[in-house]
Each structure stands twice: as C-alpha cells, then as structure tokens.
Amino acid sequence: MIVKTKKYQLPKNTYIKIALWSVLKQQWWVSLIYVGLNLPVFFLPSWWWFIGSTIALVLYILFWLIQFAGATQMEQFKILFDKLGYEIDSRQILIKINTKQGMPMKWENISRAQVKKDAFTLFVNKAQIIHLPFKVFNTENEVKFVETILKRKGLVK
C-alpha cells in the first residue's frame, strides 16, 4: 500500500519549536551541569553562582535557537519549507515537489520518529525533520498504516 498525502508546507515557527525541543530533550544532561554549577551556593553563599550559571544556560539555549532560526534562512534548508507532497510505503518515503519531481528517502535515513496526538515527526538528524500532521492524510487508515510502518522499522515504540 502506498499512502499519498496532501501537499503540506512546514511553518518555520513550527520547525524551530520542534527542533529546539528535540535537542533540549536529547541533551537533558545539560540541566545536571546547571544544577552542579549552582551547588557551590551551599558552601560559599553568593548569588553570583546562580546568576553565572543561569546566564550560561540561557546562552546555551539561545545558541540552539539561533542555529534553528538561521537554518530557516539558509538556501540548503529551503526545501524543508516548500509545499511538498509525500508518498509513503514500507520501502521509502518519496518527497514530491510536483508530479514529476521528487526525491526518495529510505527508511534507514530516518534516525527516529515521534508520534504525537496530531502529527508524525520524523528526524533525519538534528536539523532535518519531516513533520506530517494527520490532516495531510486522506483517511484514518492511512495514519494507522504509517504508524504501523514506524513501529515495524523500530522508529517508535
């Protein structure tokens, strides 16, 4: 079975939010560093420990935010934000610009996937994602079929 989706354009704000949240979840250990930098407050009471570590944390989050916001402006990432159609089967995802132009992407290129209450998010790497809201599918069975493929490929549990 081949699932053909409606054309969908990923909003840049949605991309930034998904990518930033994904990186922060993957790098959860940064919060341990933040806590570790605040521990000296108990031995040498001073607000400077808290202020310095908070500035470092904000700069870290700002670094990733700038990376993803900058990606939306780069020519290499322009294709992520075009209106694309997708043909999904158990072998590959065919990303179609129009009826004659497209690019196949093997399932092996997808590192992981998330199934949310209203969308699938497929991660190629930290910066490249495929976000497929359920509204782009024609029927509920197509959504279930894609979810089954993701489970068979071991991309979701």
N, C-alpha and C. Protein backbone atom coordinates (compact mmCIF):
# COMPACT_ATOMS: atom_id res chain seq x y z
N MET A 1 0.85 -1.19 0.00
CA MET A 1 0.00 0.00 0.00
C MET A 1 0.88 1.24 0.00
N ILE A 2 0.51 2.21 -0.81
CA ILE A 2 1.22 3.48 -0.87
C ILE A 2 0.29 4.57 -0.36
N VAL A 3 0.77 5.33 0.62
CA VAL A 3 0.00 6.43 1.19
C VAL A 3 0.42 7.71 0.50
N LYS A 4 -0.52 8.37 -0.16
CA LYS A 4 -0.24 9.65 -0.81
C LYS A 4 -0.89 10.75 0.03
N THR A 5 -0.05 11.69 0.47
CA THR A 5 -0.56 12.76 1.32
C THR A 5 -0.92 13.98 0.48
N LYS A 6 -1.66 14.87 1.11
CA LYS A 6 -1.91 16.17 0.51
C LYS A 6 -0.62 16.98 0.62
N LYS A 7 -0.50 18.03 -0.18
CA LYS A 7 0.68 18.89 -0.08
C LYS A 7 0.64 19.65 1.24
N TYR A 8 1.82 19.78 1.83
CA TYR A 8 1.92 20.44 3.13
C TYR A 8 3.19 21.27 3.19
N GLN A 9 3.09 22.46 3.75
CA GLN A 9 4.24 23.33 3.93
C GLN A 9 4.49 23.48 5.42
N LEU A 10 5.70 23.14 5.84
CA LEU A 10 6.08 23.22 7.25
C LEU A 10 6.31 24.68 7.63
N PRO A 11 5.53 25.21 8.58
CA PRO A 11 5.77 26.59 9.02
C PRO A 11 7.12 26.69 9.74
N LYS A 12 7.81 27.79 9.53
CA LYS A 12 9.14 27.97 10.11
C LYS A 12 9.09 27.98 11.64
N ASN A 13 8.06 28.59 12.22
CA ASN A 13 7.95 28.60 13.68
C ASN A 13 7.76 27.20 14.25
N THR A 14 6.99 26.39 13.56
CA THR A 14 6.79 25.01 13.99
C THR A 14 8.10 24.24 13.94
N TYR A 15 8.85 24.44 12.86
CA TYR A 15 10.15 23.79 12.72
C TYR A 15 11.08 24.16 13.87
N ILE A 16 11.18 25.46 14.17
CA ILE A 16 12.07 25.93 15.23
C ILE A 16 11.66 25.32 16.57
N LYS A 17 10.37 25.31 16.84
CA LYS A 17 9.87 24.78 18.11
C LYS A 17 10.15 23.28 18.24
N ILE A 18 9.87 22.52 17.20
CA ILE A 18 10.09 21.07 17.24
C ILE A 18 11.58 20.75 17.36
N ALA A 19 12.40 21.40 16.56
CA ALA A 19 13.84 21.12 16.57
C ALA A 19 14.48 21.52 17.90
N LEU A 20 14.12 22.68 18.43
CA LEU A 20 14.69 23.13 19.70
C LEU A 20 14.28 22.21 20.84
N TRP A 21 13.02 21.87 20.89
CA TRP A 21 12.53 20.99 21.95
C TRP A 21 13.20 19.61 21.85
N SER A 22 13.41 19.14 20.65
CA SER A 22 14.05 17.85 20.43
C SER A 22 15.49 17.85 20.95
N VAL A 23 16.24 18.90 20.62
CA VAL A 23 17.63 19.00 21.08
C VAL A 23 17.69 19.10 22.60
N LEU A 24 16.80 19.88 23.18
CA LEU A 24 16.80 20.03 24.64
C LEU A 24 16.45 18.71 25.33
N LYS A 25 15.56 17.93 24.73
CA LYS A 25 15.24 16.62 25.31
C LYS A 25 16.40 15.65 25.15
N GLN A 26 17.08 15.68 24.02
CA GLN A 26 18.22 14.79 23.80
C GLN A 26 19.38 15.15 24.72
N GLN A 27 19.57 16.42 24.98
CA GLN A 27 20.69 16.87 25.79
C GLN A 27 20.21 17.29 27.17
N TRP A 28 19.44 16.43 27.81
CA TRP A 28 18.88 16.69 29.13
C TRP A 28 19.98 16.83 30.18
N TRP A 29 21.13 16.23 29.93
CA TRP A 29 22.23 16.25 30.88
C TRP A 29 22.77 17.66 31.12
N VAL A 30 22.45 18.61 30.25
CA VAL A 30 22.88 19.99 30.46
C VAL A 30 22.24 20.55 31.72
N SER A 31 21.05 20.09 32.04
CA SER A 31 20.40 20.56 33.28
C SER A 31 21.18 20.08 34.50
N LEU A 32 21.82 18.92 34.42
CA LEU A 32 22.66 18.45 35.53
C LEU A 32 23.88 19.35 35.72
N ILE A 33 24.44 19.82 34.62
CA ILE A 33 25.56 20.77 34.71
C ILE A 33 25.10 22.06 35.37
N TYR A 34 23.91 22.51 35.00
CA TYR A 34 23.35 23.73 35.60
C TYR A 34 23.19 23.56 37.10
N VAL A 35 22.64 22.43 37.51
CA VAL A 35 22.48 22.17 38.96
C VAL A 35 23.85 22.08 39.63
N GLY A 36 24.80 21.41 38.96
CA GLY A 36 26.15 21.29 39.52
C GLY A 36 26.83 22.64 39.70
N LEU A 37 26.60 23.55 38.77
CA LEU A 37 27.18 24.88 38.90
C LEU A 37 26.53 25.69 40.02
N ASN A 38 25.32 25.32 40.41
CA ASN A 38 24.64 26.02 41.49
C ASN A 38 24.93 25.41 42.87
N LEU A 39 25.54 24.26 42.93
CA LEU A 39 25.83 23.62 44.22
C LEU A 39 26.77 24.42 45.12
N PRO A 40 27.75 25.14 44.60
CA PRO A 40 28.62 25.91 45.49
C PRO A 40 27.89 26.96 46.32
N VAL A 41 26.65 27.26 45.98
CA VAL A 41 25.87 28.22 46.77
C VAL A 41 25.75 27.75 48.21
N PHE A 42 25.70 26.44 48.44
CA PHE A 42 25.55 25.90 49.79
C PHE A 42 26.84 26.02 50.61
N PHE A 43 27.99 26.11 49.94
CA PHE A 43 29.27 26.19 50.63
C PHE A 43 29.81 27.62 50.69
N LEU A 44 29.63 28.35 49.63
CA LEU A 44 30.06 29.75 49.55
C LEU A 44 28.85 30.58 49.13
N PRO A 45 28.02 30.97 50.09
CA PRO A 45 26.78 31.67 49.75
C PRO A 45 27.04 32.96 48.96
N SER A 46 26.53 32.96 47.75
CA SER A 46 26.63 34.13 46.89
C SER A 46 25.66 33.95 45.72
N TRP A 47 25.04 35.04 45.34
CA TRP A 47 24.11 34.99 44.22
C TRP A 47 24.83 34.84 42.89
N TRP A 48 26.13 35.08 42.87
CA TRP A 48 26.89 35.03 41.62
C TRP A 48 26.91 33.64 41.00
N TRP A 49 26.88 32.61 41.82
CA TRP A 49 26.84 31.23 41.27
C TRP A 49 25.56 31.05 40.46
N PHE A 50 24.46 31.47 41.06
CA PHE A 50 23.17 31.33 40.39
C PHE A 50 23.10 32.20 39.14
N ILE A 51 23.54 33.43 39.25
CA ILE A 51 23.50 34.36 38.11
C ILE A 51 24.38 33.86 36.97
N GLY A 52 25.60 33.44 37.29
CA GLY A 52 26.53 32.96 36.26
C GLY A 52 26.03 31.71 35.56
N SER A 53 25.52 30.74 36.33
CA SER A 53 25.04 29.50 35.71
C SER A 53 23.76 29.74 34.90
N THR A 54 22.92 30.65 35.35
CA THR A 54 21.70 30.97 34.60
C THR A 54 22.05 31.66 33.28
N ILE A 55 23.03 32.55 33.32
CA ILE A 55 23.47 33.19 32.07
C ILE A 55 24.02 32.14 31.11
N ALA A 56 24.81 31.20 31.63
CA ALA A 56 25.37 30.14 30.78
C ALA A 56 24.25 29.29 30.18
N LEU A 57 23.23 28.95 30.96
CA LEU A 57 22.12 28.15 30.46
C LEU A 57 21.33 28.91 29.39
N VAL A 58 21.08 30.17 29.63
CA VAL A 58 20.35 30.98 28.65
C VAL A 58 21.15 31.10 27.35
N LEU A 59 22.46 31.27 27.46
CA LEU A 59 23.30 31.34 26.27
C LEU A 59 23.29 30.02 25.50
N TYR A 60 23.29 28.91 26.22
CA TYR A 60 23.23 27.59 25.59
C TYR A 60 21.93 27.42 24.79
N ILE A 61 20.81 27.76 25.41
CA ILE A 61 19.51 27.65 24.72
C ILE A 61 19.44 28.64 23.56
N LEU A 62 19.97 29.82 23.76
CA LEU A 62 20.00 30.82 22.70
C LEU A 62 20.85 30.37 21.51
N PHE A 63 21.95 29.67 21.79
CA PHE A 63 22.80 29.13 20.73
C PHE A 63 21.99 28.21 19.82
N TRP A 64 21.25 27.26 20.41
CA TRP A 64 20.46 26.33 19.60
C TRP A 64 19.31 27.04 18.90
N LEU A 65 18.70 28.00 19.56
CA LEU A 65 17.62 28.75 18.94
C LEU A 65 18.12 29.49 17.70
N ILE A 66 19.29 30.10 17.80
CA ILE A 66 19.86 30.81 16.65
C ILE A 66 20.21 29.84 15.53
N GLN A 67 20.70 28.64 15.89
CA GLN A 67 21.03 27.65 14.87
C GLN A 67 19.80 27.28 14.05
N PHE A 68 18.69 27.00 14.73
CA PHE A 68 17.49 26.57 14.02
C PHE A 68 16.79 27.73 13.31
N ALA A 69 16.82 28.91 13.91
CA ALA A 69 16.24 30.08 13.23
C ALA A 69 17.08 30.42 12.00
N GLY A 70 18.38 30.27 12.10
CA GLY A 70 19.25 30.53 10.96
C GLY A 70 19.04 29.51 9.84
N ALA A 71 18.75 28.27 10.22
CA ALA A 71 18.52 27.24 9.21
C ALA A 71 17.31 27.57 8.34
N THR A 72 16.34 28.27 8.89
CA THR A 72 15.16 28.62 8.10
C THR A 72 15.49 29.63 7.01
N GLN A 73 16.62 30.34 7.15
CA GLN A 73 17.02 31.35 6.18
C GLN A 73 18.02 30.83 5.15
N MET A 74 18.59 29.66 5.39
CA MET A 74 19.64 29.13 4.51
C MET A 74 19.06 28.50 3.25
N GLU A 75 19.80 28.62 2.17
CA GLU A 75 19.37 28.07 0.88
C GLU A 75 19.29 26.54 0.92
N GLN A 76 20.20 25.90 1.66
CA GLN A 76 20.23 24.43 1.73
C GLN A 76 18.96 23.87 2.39
N PHE A 77 18.37 24.64 3.29
CA PHE A 77 17.20 24.16 4.01
C PHE A 77 15.89 24.65 3.39
N LYS A 78 15.97 25.36 2.30
CA LYS A 78 14.78 25.93 1.66
C LYS A 78 13.75 24.86 1.32
N ILE A 79 14.23 23.70 0.92
CA ILE A 79 13.32 22.62 0.52
C ILE A 79 12.44 22.15 1.69
N LEU A 80 12.94 22.27 2.92
CA LEU A 80 12.14 21.86 4.07
C LEU A 80 10.86 22.68 4.22
N PHE A 81 10.90 23.91 3.71
CA PHE A 81 9.79 24.83 3.92
C PHE A 81 8.97 25.08 2.65
N ASP A 82 9.20 24.27 1.62
CA ASP A 82 8.37 24.33 0.42
C ASP A 82 7.13 23.48 0.63
N LYS A 83 6.17 23.69 -0.23
CA LYS A 83 4.94 22.89 -0.18
C LYS A 83 5.24 21.55 -0.85
N LEU A 84 5.22 20.48 -0.07
CA LEU A 84 5.62 19.16 -0.54
C LEU A 84 4.50 18.14 -0.34
N GLY A 85 4.47 17.17 -1.22
CA GLY A 85 3.61 16.01 -1.06
C GLY A 85 4.48 14.80 -0.74
N TYR A 86 3.92 13.82 -0.11
CA TYR A 86 4.68 12.64 0.29
C TYR A 86 3.96 11.38 -0.16
N GLU A 87 4.74 10.40 -0.64
CA GLU A 87 4.23 9.06 -0.92
C GLU A 87 5.00 8.12 0.00
N ILE A 88 4.29 7.48 0.90
CA ILE A 88 4.92 6.67 1.92
C ILE A 88 4.54 5.21 1.71
N ASP A 89 5.55 4.35 1.67
CA ASP A 89 5.31 2.90 1.68
C ASP A 89 6.36 2.26 2.58
N SER A 90 6.37 0.95 2.63
CA SER A 90 7.25 0.25 3.57
C SER A 90 8.72 0.27 3.13
N ARG A 91 9.02 0.69 1.91
CA ARG A 91 10.40 0.75 1.42
C ARG A 91 11.02 2.12 1.60
N GLN A 92 10.22 3.18 1.39
CA GLN A 92 10.78 4.53 1.35
C GLN A 92 9.70 5.58 1.53
N ILE A 93 10.17 6.81 1.66
CA ILE A 93 9.31 7.99 1.63
C ILE A 93 9.70 8.76 0.38
N LEU A 94 8.76 9.00 -0.50
CA LEU A 94 9.03 9.77 -1.70
C LEU A 94 8.54 11.19 -1.45
N ILE A 95 9.50 12.11 -1.43
CA ILE A 95 9.18 13.52 -1.18
C ILE A 95 9.01 14.18 -2.54
N LYS A 96 7.79 14.69 -2.80
CA LYS A 96 7.48 15.20 -4.14
C LYS A 96 7.26 16.71 -4.11
N ILE A 97 8.01 17.39 -4.98
CA ILE A 97 7.82 18.82 -5.16
C ILE A 97 6.60 19.06 -6.06
N ASN A 98 6.51 18.28 -7.12
CA ASN A 98 5.34 18.30 -8.01
C ASN A 98 5.19 16.88 -8.55
N THR A 99 4.32 16.69 -9.54
CA THR A 99 4.05 15.34 -10.03
C THR A 99 5.24 14.71 -10.73
N LYS A 100 6.17 15.54 -11.24
CA LYS A 100 7.30 15.00 -11.99
C LYS A 100 8.62 15.02 -11.23
N GLN A 101 8.72 15.83 -10.20
CA GLN A 101 9.96 15.95 -9.44
C GLN A 101 9.78 15.45 -8.02
N GLY A 102 10.73 14.62 -7.60
CA GLY A 102 10.68 14.10 -6.25
C GLY A 102 12.00 13.48 -5.85
N MET A 103 12.13 13.14 -4.57
CA MET A 103 13.34 12.54 -4.05
C MET A 103 12.97 11.41 -3.10
N PRO A 104 13.49 10.22 -3.35
CA PRO A 104 13.21 9.13 -2.41
C PRO A 104 14.11 9.23 -1.19
N MET A 105 13.55 8.87 -0.05
CA MET A 105 14.33 8.80 1.17
C MET A 105 14.06 7.44 1.81
N LYS A 106 15.11 6.65 1.94
CA LYS A 106 14.98 5.33 2.53
C LYS A 106 14.69 5.46 4.02
N TRP A 107 14.04 4.46 4.57
CA TRP A 107 13.72 4.45 5.99
C TRP A 107 14.99 4.40 6.84
N GLU A 108 16.08 3.89 6.27
CA GLU A 108 17.34 3.81 7.01
C GLU A 108 17.90 5.20 7.31
N ASN A 109 17.51 6.21 6.54
CA ASN A 109 17.98 7.58 6.76
C ASN A 109 17.28 8.27 7.92
N ILE A 110 16.16 7.72 8.35
CA ILE A 110 15.40 8.30 9.46
C ILE A 110 16.01 7.75 10.76
N SER A 111 16.47 8.65 11.62
CA SER A 111 17.12 8.20 12.85
C SER A 111 16.10 7.84 13.93
N ARG A 112 15.01 8.60 14.00
CA ARG A 112 13.96 8.32 14.99
C ARG A 112 12.69 9.03 14.58
N ALA A 113 11.62 8.71 15.26
CA ALA A 113 10.34 9.31 14.95
C ALA A 113 9.54 9.53 16.23
N GLN A 114 8.63 10.46 16.17
CA GLN A 114 7.71 10.71 17.27
C GLN A 114 6.29 10.68 16.73
N VAL A 115 5.42 10.07 17.49
CA VAL A 115 4.00 10.11 17.17
C VAL A 115 3.34 10.96 18.25
N LYS A 116 2.82 12.10 17.84
CA LYS A 116 2.14 12.98 18.77
C LYS A 116 0.64 12.83 18.57
N LYS A 117 -0.13 13.58 19.33
CA LYS A 117 -1.58 13.44 19.24
C LYS A 117 -2.14 13.93 17.90
N ASP A 118 -1.38 14.77 17.18
CA ASP A 118 -1.89 15.32 15.93
C ASP A 118 -0.91 15.24 14.76
N ALA A 119 0.27 14.59 14.94
CA ALA A 119 1.25 14.59 13.86
C ALA A 119 2.32 13.53 14.07
N PHE A 120 2.96 13.17 12.95
CA PHE A 120 4.18 12.37 12.98
C PHE A 120 5.34 13.33 12.77
N THR A 121 6.43 13.11 13.48
CA THR A 121 7.65 13.88 13.26
C THR A 121 8.77 12.88 13.05
N LEU A 122 9.39 12.94 11.87
CA LEU A 122 10.48 12.05 11.51
C LEU A 122 11.77 12.86 11.52
N PHE A 123 12.78 12.36 12.24
CA PHE A 123 14.04 13.07 12.38
C PHE A 123 15.11 12.39 11.53
N VAL A 124 15.67 13.13 10.59
CA VAL A 124 16.79 12.64 9.80
C VAL A 124 18.08 12.90 10.59
N ASN A 125 18.23 14.10 11.11
CA ASN A 125 19.29 14.47 12.03
C ASN A 125 18.76 15.61 12.89
N LYS A 126 19.64 16.32 13.60
CA LYS A 126 19.16 17.37 14.50
C LYS A 126 18.45 18.50 13.75
N ALA A 127 18.89 18.78 12.53
CA ALA A 127 18.34 19.93 11.82
C ALA A 127 17.32 19.58 10.75
N GLN A 128 17.30 18.35 10.27
CA GLN A 128 16.37 17.98 9.20
C GLN A 128 15.24 17.12 9.77
N ILE A 129 14.04 17.61 9.62
CA ILE A 129 12.88 16.88 10.11
C ILE A 129 11.80 16.85 9.03
N ILE A 130 10.96 15.84 9.13
CA ILE A 130 9.76 15.75 8.30
C ILE A 130 8.59 15.73 9.27
N HIS A 131 7.78 16.75 9.21
CA HIS A 131 6.63 16.88 10.11
C HIS A 131 5.37 16.64 9.29
N LEU A 132 4.63 15.61 9.66
CA LEU A 132 3.41 15.24 8.92
C LEU A 132 2.20 15.29 9.84
N PRO A 133 1.46 16.40 9.82
CA PRO A 133 0.23 16.45 10.61
C PRO A 133 -0.78 15.43 10.07
N PHE A 134 -1.63 14.93 10.92
CA PHE A 134 -2.61 13.94 10.50
C PHE A 134 -3.58 14.51 9.46
N LYS A 135 -3.72 15.82 9.40
CA LYS A 135 -4.65 16.42 8.43
C LYS A 135 -4.19 16.26 6.98
N VAL A 136 -2.91 15.92 6.75
CA VAL A 136 -2.43 15.74 5.37
C VAL A 136 -2.78 14.36 4.83
N PHE A 137 -3.19 13.46 5.69
CA PHE A 137 -3.59 12.12 5.26
C PHE A 137 -5.06 12.14 4.87
N ASN A 138 -5.41 11.27 3.92
CA ASN A 138 -6.77 11.26 3.41
C ASN A 138 -7.74 10.50 4.30
N THR A 139 -7.27 9.43 4.93
CA THR A 139 -8.15 8.64 5.79
C THR A 139 -7.43 8.28 7.09
N GLU A 140 -8.19 7.85 8.05
CA GLU A 140 -7.64 7.40 9.34
C GLU A 140 -6.82 6.13 9.14
N ASN A 141 -7.19 5.29 8.18
CA ASN A 141 -6.44 4.07 7.91
C ASN A 141 -5.02 4.36 7.44
N GLU A 142 -4.84 5.43 6.70
CA GLU A 142 -3.51 5.81 6.25
C GLU A 142 -2.62 6.20 7.43
N VAL A 143 -3.20 6.90 8.40
CA VAL A 143 -2.46 7.27 9.61
C VAL A 143 -2.04 6.00 10.36
N LYS A 144 -2.94 5.07 10.49
CA LYS A 144 -2.63 3.81 11.19
C LYS A 144 -1.58 3.01 10.42
N PHE A 145 -1.63 3.03 9.10
CA PHE A 145 -0.65 2.32 8.28
C PHE A 145 0.75 2.91 8.47
N VAL A 146 0.86 4.23 8.46
CA VAL A 146 2.16 4.88 8.67
C VAL A 146 2.67 4.59 10.07
N GLU A 147 1.79 4.61 11.04
CA GLU A 147 2.20 4.29 12.42
C GLU A 147 2.70 2.85 12.51
N THR A 148 2.05 1.94 11.79
CA THR A 148 2.50 0.54 11.76
C THR A 148 3.87 0.42 11.12
N ILE A 149 4.12 1.15 10.04
CA ILE A 149 5.44 1.13 9.40
C ILE A 149 6.49 1.64 10.37
N LEU A 150 6.19 2.72 11.08
CA LEU A 150 7.16 3.28 12.03
C LEU A 150 7.49 2.28 13.14
N LYS A 151 6.47 1.54 13.59
CA LYS A 151 6.72 0.54 14.63
C LYS A 151 7.54 -0.63 14.09
N ARG A 152 7.24 -1.08 12.89
CA ARG A 152 8.00 -2.18 12.28
C ARG A 152 9.46 -1.81 12.04
N LYS A 153 9.70 -0.58 11.69
CA LYS A 153 11.07 -0.11 11.43
C LYS A 153 11.82 0.17 12.73
N GLY A 154 11.12 0.12 13.85
CA GLY A 154 11.75 0.36 15.15
C GLY A 154 12.01 1.83 15.43
N LEU A 155 11.30 2.72 14.77
CA LEU A 155 11.50 4.15 14.97
C LEU A 155 10.67 4.69 16.14
N VAL A 156 9.58 4.02 16.46
CA VAL A 156 8.78 4.37 17.65
C VAL A 156 8.49 3.07 18.39
N LYS A 157 8.12 3.23 19.63
CA LYS A 157 7.83 2.04 20.45
C LYS A 157 6.35 1.87 20.62
